[in-house]
Amino acid sequence: GEVLHVMRALAEEHMTMLVVTHEIQF
């Protein structure tokens, strides 16, 4: 959760991100 929280904040700041993930909810 603490890592995904940081990544969510980056998404809100419109950082371009390409993410390999198994976290479906994220």
mmCIF file of all heavy atoms, coordinates in Angstrom:
data_MODEL
# 
_entry.id   MODEL 
# 
loop_
_atom_site.group_PDB 
_atom_site.id 
_atom_site.type_symbol 
_atom_site.label_atom_id 
_atom_site.label_alt_id 
_atom_site.label_comp_id 
_atom_site.label_asym_id 
_atom_site.label_entity_id 
_atom_site.label_seq_id 
_atom_site.pdbx_PDB_ins_code 
_atom_site.Cartn_x 
_atom_site.Cartn_y 
_atom_site.Cartn_z 
_atom_site.occupancy 
_atom_site.B_iso_or_equiv 
_atom_site.pdbx_formal_charge 
_atom_site.auth_seq_id 
_atom_site.auth_comp_id 
_atom_site.auth_asym_id 
_atom_site.auth_atom_id 
_atom_site.pdbx_PDB_model_num 
ATOM 1   N N   . GLY A 1 1  ? 0.798   -1.220  0.000   1.00 0.00 ? 1  GLY A N   1 
ATOM 2   C CA  . GLY A 1 1  ? 0.000   0.000   0.000   1.00 0.00 ? 1  GLY A CA  1 
ATOM 3   C C   . GLY A 1 1  ? 0.828   1.265   0.000   1.00 0.00 ? 1  GLY A C   1 
ATOM 4   O O   . GLY A 1 1  ? 0.483   2.238   -0.688  1.00 0.00 ? 1  GLY A O   1 
ATOM 5   N N   . GLU A 1 2  ? 1.951   1.285   0.741   1.00 0.00 ? 2  GLU A N   1 
ATOM 6   C CA  . GLU A 1 2  ? 2.747   2.507   0.826   1.00 0.00 ? 2  GLU A CA  1 
ATOM 7   C C   . GLU A 1 2  ? 3.421   2.836   -0.499  1.00 0.00 ? 2  GLU A C   1 
ATOM 8   O O   . GLU A 1 2  ? 3.594   4.013   -0.836  1.00 0.00 ? 2  GLU A O   1 
ATOM 9   C CB  . GLU A 1 2  ? 3.783   2.381   1.951   1.00 0.00 ? 2  GLU A CB  1 
ATOM 10  C CG  . GLU A 1 2  ? 4.800   1.280   1.793   1.00 0.00 ? 2  GLU A CG  1 
ATOM 11  C CD  . GLU A 1 2  ? 5.624   1.042   3.057   1.00 0.00 ? 2  GLU A CD  1 
ATOM 12  O OE1 . GLU A 1 2  ? 5.021   0.821   4.138   1.00 0.00 ? 2  GLU A OE1 1 
ATOM 13  O OE2 . GLU A 1 2  ? 6.848   1.094   2.967   1.00 0.00 ? 2  GLU A OE2 1 
ATOM 14  N N   . VAL A 1 3  ? 3.772   1.808   -1.264  1.00 0.00 ? 3  VAL A N   1 
ATOM 15  C CA  . VAL A 1 3  ? 4.371   2.047   -2.583  1.00 0.00 ? 3  VAL A CA  1 
ATOM 16  C C   . VAL A 1 3  ? 3.302   2.489   -3.579  1.00 0.00 ? 3  VAL A C   1 
ATOM 17  O O   . VAL A 1 3  ? 3.500   3.444   -4.351  1.00 0.00 ? 3  VAL A O   1 
ATOM 18  C CB  . VAL A 1 3  ? 5.095   0.785   -3.088  1.00 0.00 ? 3  VAL A CB  1 
ATOM 19  C CG1 . VAL A 1 3  ? 5.574   0.966   -4.524  1.00 0.00 ? 3  VAL A CG1 1 
ATOM 20  C CG2 . VAL A 1 3  ? 6.280   0.464   -2.177  1.00 0.00 ? 3  VAL A CG2 1 
ATOM 21  N N   . LEU A 1 4  ? 2.158   1.827   -3.564  1.00 0.00 ? 4  LEU A N   1 
ATOM 22  C CA  . LEU A 1 4  ? 1.080   2.210   -4.477  1.00 0.00 ? 4  LEU A CA  1 
ATOM 23  C C   . LEU A 1 4  ? 0.576   3.615   -4.181  1.00 0.00 ? 4  LEU A C   1 
ATOM 24  O O   . LEU A 1 4  ? 0.169   4.340   -5.098  1.00 0.00 ? 4  LEU A O   1 
ATOM 25  C CB  . LEU A 1 4  ? -0.076  1.201   -4.381  1.00 0.00 ? 4  LEU A CB  1 
ATOM 26  C CG  . LEU A 1 4  ? 0.236   -0.224  -4.852  1.00 0.00 ? 4  LEU A CG  1 
ATOM 27  C CD1 . LEU A 1 4  ? -1.020  -1.089  -4.766  1.00 0.00 ? 4  LEU A CD1 1 
ATOM 28  C CD2 . LEU A 1 4  ? 0.796   -0.233  -6.262  1.00 0.00 ? 4  LEU A CD2 1 
ATOM 29  N N   . HIS A 1 5  ? 0.634   4.035   -2.912  1.00 0.00 ? 5  HIS A N   1 
ATOM 30  C CA  . HIS A 1 5  ? 0.232   5.400   -2.557  1.00 0.00 ? 5  HIS A CA  1 
ATOM 31  C C   . HIS A 1 5  ? 1.114   6.425   -3.274  1.00 0.00 ? 5  HIS A C   1 
ATOM 32  O O   . HIS A 1 5  ? 0.611   7.432   -3.811  1.00 0.00 ? 5  HIS A O   1 
ATOM 33  C CB  . HIS A 1 5  ? 0.323   5.593   -1.038  1.00 0.00 ? 5  HIS A CB  1 
ATOM 34  C CG  . HIS A 1 5  ? 0.050   6.987   -0.585  1.00 0.00 ? 5  HIS A CG  1 
ATOM 35  N ND1 . HIS A 1 5  ? -1.219  7.528   -0.536  1.00 0.00 ? 5  HIS A ND1 1 
ATOM 36  C CD2 . HIS A 1 5  ? 0.906   7.988   -0.184  1.00 0.00 ? 5  HIS A CD2 1 
ATOM 37  C CE1 . HIS A 1 5  ? -1.160  8.779   -0.123  1.00 0.00 ? 5  HIS A CE1 1 
ATOM 38  N NE2 . HIS A 1 5  ? 0.121   9.086   0.102   1.00 0.00 ? 5  HIS A NE2 1 
ATOM 39  N N   . VAL A 1 6  ? 2.420   6.175   -3.299  1.00 0.00 ? 6  VAL A N   1 
ATOM 40  C CA  . VAL A 1 6  ? 3.341   7.076   -3.991  1.00 0.00 ? 6  VAL A CA  1 
ATOM 41  C C   . VAL A 1 6  ? 3.060   7.072   -5.486  1.00 0.00 ? 6  VAL A C   1 
ATOM 42  O O   . VAL A 1 6  ? 3.060   8.125   -6.138  1.00 0.00 ? 6  VAL A O   1 
ATOM 43  C CB  . VAL A 1 6  ? 4.805   6.670   -3.716  1.00 0.00 ? 6  VAL A CB  1 
ATOM 44  C CG1 . VAL A 1 6  ? 5.767   7.494   -4.572  1.00 0.00 ? 6  VAL A CG1 1 
ATOM 45  C CG2 . VAL A 1 6  ? 5.134   6.846   -2.239  1.00 0.00 ? 6  VAL A CG2 1 
ATOM 46  N N   . MET A 1 7  ? 2.796   5.892   -6.045  1.00 0.00 ? 7  MET A N   1 
ATOM 47  C CA  . MET A 1 7  ? 2.528   5.801   -7.480  1.00 0.00 ? 7  MET A CA  1 
ATOM 48  C C   . MET A 1 7  ? 1.216   6.491   -7.848  1.00 0.00 ? 7  MET A C   1 
ATOM 49  O O   . MET A 1 7  ? 1.115   7.120   -8.907  1.00 0.00 ? 7  MET A O   1 
ATOM 50  C CB  . MET A 1 7  ? 2.513   4.337   -7.904  1.00 0.00 ? 7  MET A CB  1 
ATOM 51  C CG  . MET A 1 7  ? 3.889   3.667   -7.789  1.00 0.00 ? 7  MET A CG  1 
ATOM 52  S SD  . MET A 1 7  ? 3.850   1.896   -8.140  1.00 0.00 ? 7  MET A SD  1 
ATOM 53  C CE  . MET A 1 7  ? 3.425   1.904   -9.886  1.00 0.00 ? 7  MET A CE  1 
ATOM 54  N N   . ARG A 1 8  ? 0.217   6.387   -6.982  1.00 0.00 ? 8  ARG A N   1 
ATOM 55  C CA  . ARG A 1 8  ? -1.039  7.102   -7.236  1.00 0.00 ? 8  ARG A CA  1 
ATOM 56  C C   . ARG A 1 8  ? -0.809  8.608   -7.273  1.00 0.00 ? 8  ARG A C   1 
ATOM 57  O O   . ARG A 1 8  ? -1.378  9.324   -8.103  1.00 0.00 ? 8  ARG A O   1 
ATOM 58  C CB  . ARG A 1 8  ? -2.068  6.756   -6.154  1.00 0.00 ? 8  ARG A CB  1 
ATOM 59  C CG  . ARG A 1 8  ? -2.658  5.366   -6.272  1.00 0.00 ? 8  ARG A CG  1 
ATOM 60  C CD  . ARG A 1 8  ? -3.806  5.167   -5.288  1.00 0.00 ? 8  ARG A CD  1 
ATOM 61  N NE  . ARG A 1 8  ? -4.332  3.817   -5.351  1.00 0.00 ? 8  ARG A NE  1 
ATOM 62  C CZ  . ARG A 1 8  ? -3.936  2.827   -4.564  1.00 0.00 ? 8  ARG A CZ  1 
ATOM 63  N NH1 . ARG A 1 8  ? -3.010  3.053   -3.626  1.00 0.00 ? 8  ARG A NH1 1 
ATOM 64  N NH2 . ARG A 1 8  ? -4.447  1.614   -4.685  1.00 0.00 ? 8  ARG A NH2 1 
ATOM 65  N N   . ALA A 1 9  ? 0.044   9.092   -6.347  1.00 0.00 ? 9  ALA A N   1 
ATOM 66  C CA  . ALA A 1 9  ? 0.348   10.528  -6.322  1.00 0.00 ? 9  ALA A CA  1 
ATOM 67  C C   . ALA A 1 9  ? 1.030   10.962  -7.620  1.00 0.00 ? 9  ALA A C   1 
ATOM 68  O O   . ALA A 1 9  ? 0.736   12.041  -8.162  1.00 0.00 ? 9  ALA A O   1 
ATOM 69  C CB  . ALA A 1 9  ? 1.240   10.856  -5.123  1.00 0.00 ? 9  ALA A CB  1 
ATOM 70  N N   . LEU A 1 10 ? 1.921   10.127  -8.146  1.00 0.00 ? 10 LEU A N   1 
ATOM 71  C CA  . LEU A 1 10 ? 2.578   10.440  -9.419  1.00 0.00 ? 10 LEU A CA  1 
ATOM 72  C C   . LEU A 1 10 ? 1.564   10.481  -10.556 1.00 0.00 ? 10 LEU A C   1 
ATOM 73  O O   . LEU A 1 10 ? 1.644   11.340  -11.444 1.00 0.00 ? 10 LEU A O   1 
ATOM 74  C CB  . LEU A 1 10 ? 3.665   9.407   -9.723  1.00 0.00 ? 10 LEU A CB  1 
ATOM 75  C CG  . LEU A 1 10 ? 4.898   9.418   -8.824  1.00 0.00 ? 10 LEU A CG  1 
ATOM 76  C CD1 . LEU A 1 10 ? 5.831   8.271   -9.196  1.00 0.00 ? 10 LEU A CD1 1 
ATOM 77  C CD2 . LEU A 1 10 ? 5.634   10.748  -8.926  1.00 0.00 ? 10 LEU A CD2 1 
ATOM 78  N N   . ALA A 1 11 ? 0.615   9.553   -10.531 1.00 0.00 ? 11 ALA A N   1 
ATOM 79  C CA  . ALA A 1 11 ? -0.420  9.537   -11.561 1.00 0.00 ? 11 ALA A CA  1 
ATOM 80  C C   . ALA A 1 11 ? -1.254  10.816  -11.511 1.00 0.00 ? 11 ALA A C   1 
ATOM 81  O O   . ALA A 1 11 ? -1.597  11.393  -12.552 1.00 0.00 ? 11 ALA A O   1 
ATOM 82  C CB  . ALA A 1 11 ? -1.316  8.307   -11.388 1.00 0.00 ? 11 ALA A CB  1 
ATOM 83  N N   . GLU A 1 12 ? -1.551  11.279  -10.305 1.00 0.00 ? 12 GLU A N   1 
ATOM 84  C CA  . GLU A 1 12 ? -2.325  12.515  -10.149 1.00 0.00 ? 12 GLU A CA  1 
ATOM 85  C C   . GLU A 1 12 ? -1.554  13.733  -10.640 1.00 0.00 ? 12 GLU A C   1 
ATOM 86  O O   . GLU A 1 12 ? -2.152  14.746  -11.013 1.00 0.00 ? 12 GLU A O   1 
ATOM 87  C CB  . GLU A 1 12 ? -2.722  12.691  -8.684  1.00 0.00 ? 12 GLU A CB  1 
ATOM 88  C CG  . GLU A 1 12 ? -3.754  11.664  -8.208  1.00 0.00 ? 12 GLU A CG  1 
ATOM 89  C CD  . GLU A 1 12 ? -3.977  11.713  -6.710  1.00 0.00 ? 12 GLU A CD  1 
ATOM 90  O OE1 . GLU A 1 12 ? -3.342  12.562  -6.039  1.00 0.00 ? 12 GLU A OE1 1 
ATOM 91  O OE2 . GLU A 1 12 ? -4.777  10.891  -6.206  1.00 0.00 ? 12 GLU A OE2 1 
ATOM 92  N N   . GLU A 1 13 ? -0.219  13.624  -10.631 1.00 0.00 ? 13 GLU A N   1 
ATOM 93  C CA  . GLU A 1 13 ? 0.622   14.716  -11.136 1.00 0.00 ? 13 GLU A CA  1 
ATOM 94  C C   . GLU A 1 13 ? 0.895   14.574  -12.635 1.00 0.00 ? 13 GLU A C   1 
ATOM 95  O O   . GLU A 1 13 ? 1.670   15.329  -13.214 1.00 0.00 ? 13 GLU A O   1 
ATOM 96  C CB  . GLU A 1 13 ? 1.950   14.726  -10.378 1.00 0.00 ? 13 GLU A CB  1 
ATOM 97  C CG  . GLU A 1 13 ? 1.783   15.034  -8.900  1.00 0.00 ? 13 GLU A CG  1 
ATOM 98  C CD  . GLU A 1 13 ? 3.035   14.723  -8.087  1.00 0.00 ? 13 GLU A CD  1 
ATOM 99  O OE1 . GLU A 1 13 ? 4.099   14.454  -8.707  1.00 0.00 ? 13 GLU A OE1 1 
ATOM 100 O OE2 . GLU A 1 13 ? 2.957   14.735  -6.853  1.00 0.00 ? 13 GLU A OE2 1 
ATOM 101 N N   . HIS A 1 14 ? 0.238   13.592  -13.261 1.00 0.00 ? 14 HIS A N   1 
ATOM 102 C CA  . HIS A 1 14 ? 0.330   13.370  -14.713 1.00 0.00 ? 14 HIS A CA  1 
ATOM 103 C C   . HIS A 1 14 ? 1.727   12.965  -15.174 1.00 0.00 ? 14 HIS A C   1 
ATOM 104 O O   . HIS A 1 14 ? 2.167   13.335  -16.268 1.00 0.00 ? 14 HIS A O   1 
ATOM 105 C CB  . HIS A 1 14 ? -0.148  14.615  -15.484 1.00 0.00 ? 14 HIS A CB  1 
ATOM 106 C CG  . HIS A 1 14 ? -1.528  15.053  -15.099 1.00 0.00 ? 14 HIS A CG  1 
ATOM 107 N ND1 . HIS A 1 14 ? -2.662  14.311  -15.386 1.00 0.00 ? 14 HIS A ND1 1 
ATOM 108 C CD2 . HIS A 1 14 ? -1.964  16.148  -14.417 1.00 0.00 ? 14 HIS A CD2 1 
ATOM 109 C CE1 . HIS A 1 14 ? -3.728  14.935  -14.905 1.00 0.00 ? 14 HIS A CE1 1 
ATOM 110 N NE2 . HIS A 1 14 ? -3.342  16.041  -14.311 1.00 0.00 ? 14 HIS A NE2 1 
ATOM 111 N N   . MET A 1 15 ? 2.409   12.187  -14.344 1.00 0.00 ? 15 MET A N   1 
ATOM 112 C CA  . MET A 1 15 ? 3.653   11.578  -14.778 1.00 0.00 ? 15 MET A CA  1 
ATOM 113 C C   . MET A 1 15 ? 3.328   10.447  -15.756 1.00 0.00 ? 15 MET A C   1 
ATOM 114 O O   . MET A 1 15 ? 2.445   9.628   -15.483 1.00 0.00 ? 15 MET A O   1 
ATOM 115 C CB  . MET A 1 15 ? 4.435   11.029  -13.579 1.00 0.00 ? 15 MET A CB  1 
ATOM 116 C CG  . MET A 1 15 ? 5.621   10.142  -13.944 1.00 0.00 ? 15 MET A CG  1 
ATOM 117 S SD  . MET A 1 15 ? 6.907   10.972  -14.901 1.00 0.00 ? 15 MET A SD  1 
ATOM 118 C CE  . MET A 1 15 ? 7.633   12.021  -13.623 1.00 0.00 ? 15 MET A CE  1 
ATOM 119 N N   . THR A 1 16 ? 3.999   10.406  -16.884 1.00 0.00 ? 16 THR A N   1 
ATOM 120 C CA  . THR A 1 16 ? 3.814   9.312   -17.832 1.00 0.00 ? 16 THR A CA  1 
ATOM 121 C C   . THR A 1 16 ? 4.409   8.048   -17.228 1.00 0.00 ? 16 THR A C   1 
ATOM 122 O O   . THR A 1 16 ? 5.577   8.018   -16.847 1.00 0.00 ? 16 THR A O   1 
ATOM 123 C CB  . THR A 1 16 ? 4.518   9.625   -19.163 1.00 0.00 ? 16 THR A CB  1 
ATOM 124 O OG1 . THR A 1 16 ? 4.049   10.883  -19.658 1.00 0.00 ? 16 THR A OG1 1 
ATOM 125 C CG2 . THR A 1 16 ? 4.247   8.537   -20.197 1.00 0.00 ? 16 THR A CG2 1 
ATOM 126 N N   . MET A 1 17 ? 3.595   6.988   -17.133 1.00 0.00 ? 17 MET A N   1 
ATOM 127 C CA  . MET A 1 17 ? 4.054   5.758   -16.494 1.00 0.00 ? 17 MET A CA  1 
ATOM 128 C C   . MET A 1 17 ? 3.604   4.540   -17.295 1.00 0.00 ? 17 MET A C   1 
ATOM 129 O O   . MET A 1 17 ? 2.451   4.466   -17.747 1.00 0.00 ? 17 MET A O   1 
ATOM 130 C CB  . MET A 1 17 ? 3.513   5.658   -15.062 1.00 0.00 ? 17 MET A CB  1 
ATOM 131 C CG  . MET A 1 17 ? 3.979   6.771   -14.137 1.00 0.00 ? 17 MET A CG  1 
ATOM 132 S SD  . MET A 1 17 ? 3.657   6.421   -12.380 1.00 0.00 ? 17 MET A SD  1 
ATOM 133 C CE  . MET A 1 17 ? 1.872   6.510   -12.308 1.00 0.00 ? 17 MET A CE  1 
ATOM 134 N N   . LEU A 1 18 ? 4.533   3.605   -17.454 1.00 0.00 ? 18 LEU A N   1 
ATOM 135 C CA  . LEU A 1 18 ? 4.231   2.295   -18.031 1.00 0.00 ? 18 LEU A CA  1 
ATOM 136 C C   . LEU A 1 18 ? 4.521   1.283   -16.938 1.00 0.00 ? 18 LEU A C   1 
ATOM 137 O O   . LEU A 1 18 ? 5.662   1.153   -16.486 1.00 0.00 ? 18 LEU A O   1 
ATOM 138 C CB  . LEU A 1 18 ? 5.099   2.048   -19.267 1.00 0.00 ? 18 LEU A CB  1 
ATOM 139 C CG  . LEU A 1 18 ? 4.874   0.737   -20.027 1.00 0.00 ? 18 LEU A CG  1 
ATOM 140 C CD1 . LEU A 1 18 ? 3.421   0.601   -20.475 1.00 0.00 ? 18 LEU A CD1 1 
ATOM 141 C CD2 . LEU A 1 18 ? 5.807   0.657   -21.237 1.00 0.00 ? 18 LEU A CD2 1 
ATOM 142 N N   . VAL A 1 19 ? 3.475   0.572   -16.496 1.00 0.00 ? 19 VAL A N   1 
ATOM 143 C CA  . VAL A 1 19 ? 3.558   -0.222  -15.267 1.00 0.00 ? 19 VAL A CA  1 
ATOM 144 C C   . VAL A 1 19 ? 3.219   -1.685  -15.530 1.00 0.00 ? 19 VAL A C   1 
ATOM 145 O O   . VAL A 1 19 ? 2.102   -1.997  -15.960 1.00 0.00 ? 19 VAL A O   1 
ATOM 146 C CB  . VAL A 1 19 ? 2.591   0.323   -14.190 1.00 0.00 ? 19 VAL A CB  1 
ATOM 147 C CG1 . VAL A 1 19 ? 2.770   -0.431  -12.874 1.00 0.00 ? 19 VAL A CG1 1 
ATOM 148 C CG2 . VAL A 1 19 ? 2.778   1.824   -13.986 1.00 0.00 ? 19 VAL A CG2 1 
ATOM 149 N N   . VAL A 1 20 ? 4.182   -2.570  -15.294 1.00 0.00 ? 20 VAL A N   1 
ATOM 150 C CA  . VAL A 1 20 ? 3.901   -4.006  -15.268 1.00 0.00 ? 20 VAL A CA  1 
ATOM 151 C C   . VAL A 1 20 ? 3.417   -4.341  -13.866 1.00 0.00 ? 20 VAL A C   1 
ATOM 152 O O   . VAL A 1 20 ? 4.118   -4.080  -12.880 1.00 0.00 ? 20 VAL A O   1 
ATOM 153 C CB  . VAL A 1 20 ? 5.164   -4.832  -15.601 1.00 0.00 ? 20 VAL A CB  1 
ATOM 154 C CG1 . VAL A 1 20 ? 4.888   -6.325  -15.391 1.00 0.00 ? 20 VAL A CG1 1 
ATOM 155 C CG2 . VAL A 1 20 ? 5.606   -4.580  -17.029 1.00 0.00 ? 20 VAL A CG2 1 
ATOM 156 N N   . THR A 1 21 ? 2.221   -4.877  -13.762 1.00 0.00 ? 21 THR A N   1 
ATOM 157 C CA  . THR A 1 21 ? 1.665   -5.105  -12.424 1.00 0.00 ? 21 THR A CA  1 
ATOM 158 C C   . THR A 1 21 ? 0.681   -6.260  -12.409 1.00 0.00 ? 21 THR A C   1 
ATOM 159 O O   . THR A 1 21 ? 0.065   -6.588  -13.439 1.00 0.00 ? 21 THR A O   1 
ATOM 160 C CB  . THR A 1 21 ? 0.969   -3.835  -11.903 1.00 0.00 ? 21 THR A CB  1 
ATOM 161 O OG1 . THR A 1 21 ? 0.532   -4.049  -10.560 1.00 0.00 ? 21 THR A OG1 1 
ATOM 162 C CG2 . THR A 1 21 ? -0.225  -3.450  -12.765 1.00 0.00 ? 21 THR A CG2 1 
ATOM 163 N N   . HIS A 1 22 ? 0.550   -6.890  -11.244 1.00 0.00 ? 22 HIS A N   1 
ATOM 164 C CA  . HIS A 1 22 ? -0.511  -7.849  -10.985 1.00 0.00 ? 22 HIS A CA  1 
ATOM 165 C C   . HIS A 1 22 ? -1.546  -7.240  -10.040 1.00 0.00 ? 22 HIS A C   1 
ATOM 166 O O   . HIS A 1 22 ? -2.486  -7.933  -9.637  1.00 0.00 ? 22 HIS A O   1 
ATOM 167 C CB  . HIS A 1 22 ? 0.059   -9.123  -10.361 1.00 0.00 ? 22 HIS A CB  1 
ATOM 168 C CG  . HIS A 1 22 ? 0.885   -9.933  -11.315 1.00 0.00 ? 22 HIS A CG  1 
ATOM 169 N ND1 . HIS A 1 22 ? 0.352   -10.602 -12.394 1.00 0.00 ? 22 HIS A ND1 1 
ATOM 170 C CD2 . HIS A 1 22 ? 2.221   -10.170 -11.369 1.00 0.00 ? 22 HIS A CD2 1 
ATOM 171 C CE1 . HIS A 1 22 ? 1.300   -11.231 -13.055 1.00 0.00 ? 22 HIS A CE1 1 
ATOM 172 N NE2 . HIS A 1 22 ? 2.452   -10.975 -12.458 1.00 0.00 ? 22 HIS A NE2 1 
ATOM 173 N N   . GLU A 1 23 ? -1.353  -5.967  -9.688  1.00 0.00 ? 23 GLU A N   1 
ATOM 174 C CA  . GLU A 1 23 ? -2.281  -5.286  -8.782  1.00 0.00 ? 23 GLU A CA  1 
ATOM 175 C C   . GLU A 1 23 ? -3.469  -4.750  -9.591  1.00 0.00 ? 23 GLU A C   1 
ATOM 176 O O   . GLU A 1 23 ? -3.470  -3.615  -10.074 1.00 0.00 ? 23 GLU A O   1 
ATOM 177 C CB  . GLU A 1 23 ? -1.568  -4.139  -8.055  1.00 0.00 ? 23 GLU A CB  1 
ATOM 178 C CG  . GLU A 1 23 ? -0.411  -4.573  -7.174  1.00 0.00 ? 23 GLU A CG  1 
ATOM 179 C CD  . GLU A 1 23 ? -0.886  -5.307  -5.932  1.00 0.00 ? 23 GLU A CD  1 
ATOM 180 O OE1 . GLU A 1 23 ? -2.067  -5.152  -5.555  1.00 0.00 ? 23 GLU A OE1 1 
ATOM 181 O OE2 . GLU A 1 23 ? -0.067  -6.038  -5.337  1.00 0.00 ? 23 GLU A OE2 1 
ATOM 182 N N   . ILE A 1 24 ? -4.471  -5.594  -9.748  1.00 0.00 ? 24 ILE A N   1 
ATOM 183 C CA  . ILE A 1 24 ? -5.609  -5.257  -10.605 1.00 0.00 ? 24 ILE A CA  1 
ATOM 184 C C   . ILE A 1 24 ? -6.358  -4.036  -10.088 1.00 0.00 ? 24 ILE A C   1 
ATOM 185 O O   . ILE A 1 24 ? -6.793  -3.176  -10.860 1.00 0.00 ? 24 ILE A O   1 
ATOM 186 C CB  . ILE A 1 24 ? -6.560  -6.458  -10.740 1.00 0.00 ? 24 ILE A CB  1 
ATOM 187 C CG1 . ILE A 1 24 ? -5.835  -7.637  -11.398 1.00 0.00 ? 24 ILE A CG1 1 
ATOM 188 C CG2 . ILE A 1 24 ? -7.794  -6.083  -11.544 1.00 0.00 ? 24 ILE A CG2 1 
ATOM 189 C CD1 . ILE A 1 24 ? -5.291  -7.326  -12.775 1.00 0.00 ? 24 ILE A CD1 1 
ATOM 190 N N   . GLN A 1 25 ? -6.510  -3.929  -8.764  1.00 0.00 ? 25 GLN A N   1 
ATOM 191 C CA  . GLN A 1 25 ? -7.227  -2.787  -8.204  1.00 0.00 ? 25 GLN A CA  1 
ATOM 192 C C   . GLN A 1 25 ? -6.489  -1.489  -8.506  1.00 0.00 ? 25 GLN A C   1 
ATOM 193 O O   . GLN A 1 25 ? -7.105  -0.471  -8.845  1.00 0.00 ? 25 GLN A O   1 
ATOM 194 C CB  . GLN A 1 25 ? -7.410  -2.949  -6.696  1.00 0.00 ? 25 GLN A CB  1 
ATOM 195 C CG  . GLN A 1 25 ? -8.273  -1.862  -6.048  1.00 0.00 ? 25 GLN A CG  1 
ATOM 196 C CD  . GLN A 1 25 ? -9.676  -1.791  -6.638  1.00 0.00 ? 25 GLN A CD  1 
ATOM 197 O OE1 . GLN A 1 25 ? -10.261 -2.811  -6.989  1.00 0.00 ? 25 GLN A OE1 1 
ATOM 198 N NE2 . GLN A 1 25 ? -10.219 -0.585  -6.742  1.00 0.00 ? 25 GLN A NE2 1 
ATOM 199 N N   . PHE A 1 26 ? -5.154  -1.513  -8.408  1.00 0.00 ? 26 PHE A N   1 
ATOM 200 C CA  . PHE A 1 26 ? -4.362  -0.330  -8.747  1.00 0.00 ? 26 PHE A CA  1 
ATOM 201 C C   . PHE A 1 26 ? -4.564  0.031   -10.210 1.00 0.00 ? 26 PHE A C   1 
ATOM 202 O O   . PHE A 1 26 ? -4.778  1.203   -10.554 1.00 0.00 ? 26 PHE A O   1 
ATOM 203 C CB  . PHE A 1 26 ? -2.883  -0.596  -8.468  1.00 0.00 ? 26 PHE A CB  1 
ATOM 204 C CG  . PHE A 1 26 ? -1.963  0.490   -8.961  1.00 0.00 ? 26 PHE A CG  1 
ATOM 205 C CD1 . PHE A 1 26 ? -1.818  1.664   -8.245  1.00 0.00 ? 26 PHE A CD1 1 
ATOM 206 C CD2 . PHE A 1 26 ? -1.256  0.339   -10.144 1.00 0.00 ? 26 PHE A CD2 1 
ATOM 207 C CE1 . PHE A 1 26 ? -0.978  2.678   -8.696  1.00 0.00 ? 26 PHE A CE1 1 
ATOM 208 C CE2 . PHE A 1 26 ? -0.411  1.344   -10.606 1.00 0.00 ? 26 PHE A CE2 1 
ATOM 209 C CZ  . PHE A 1 26 ? -0.275  2.505   -9.881  1.00 0.00 ? 26 PHE A CZ  1 
# 
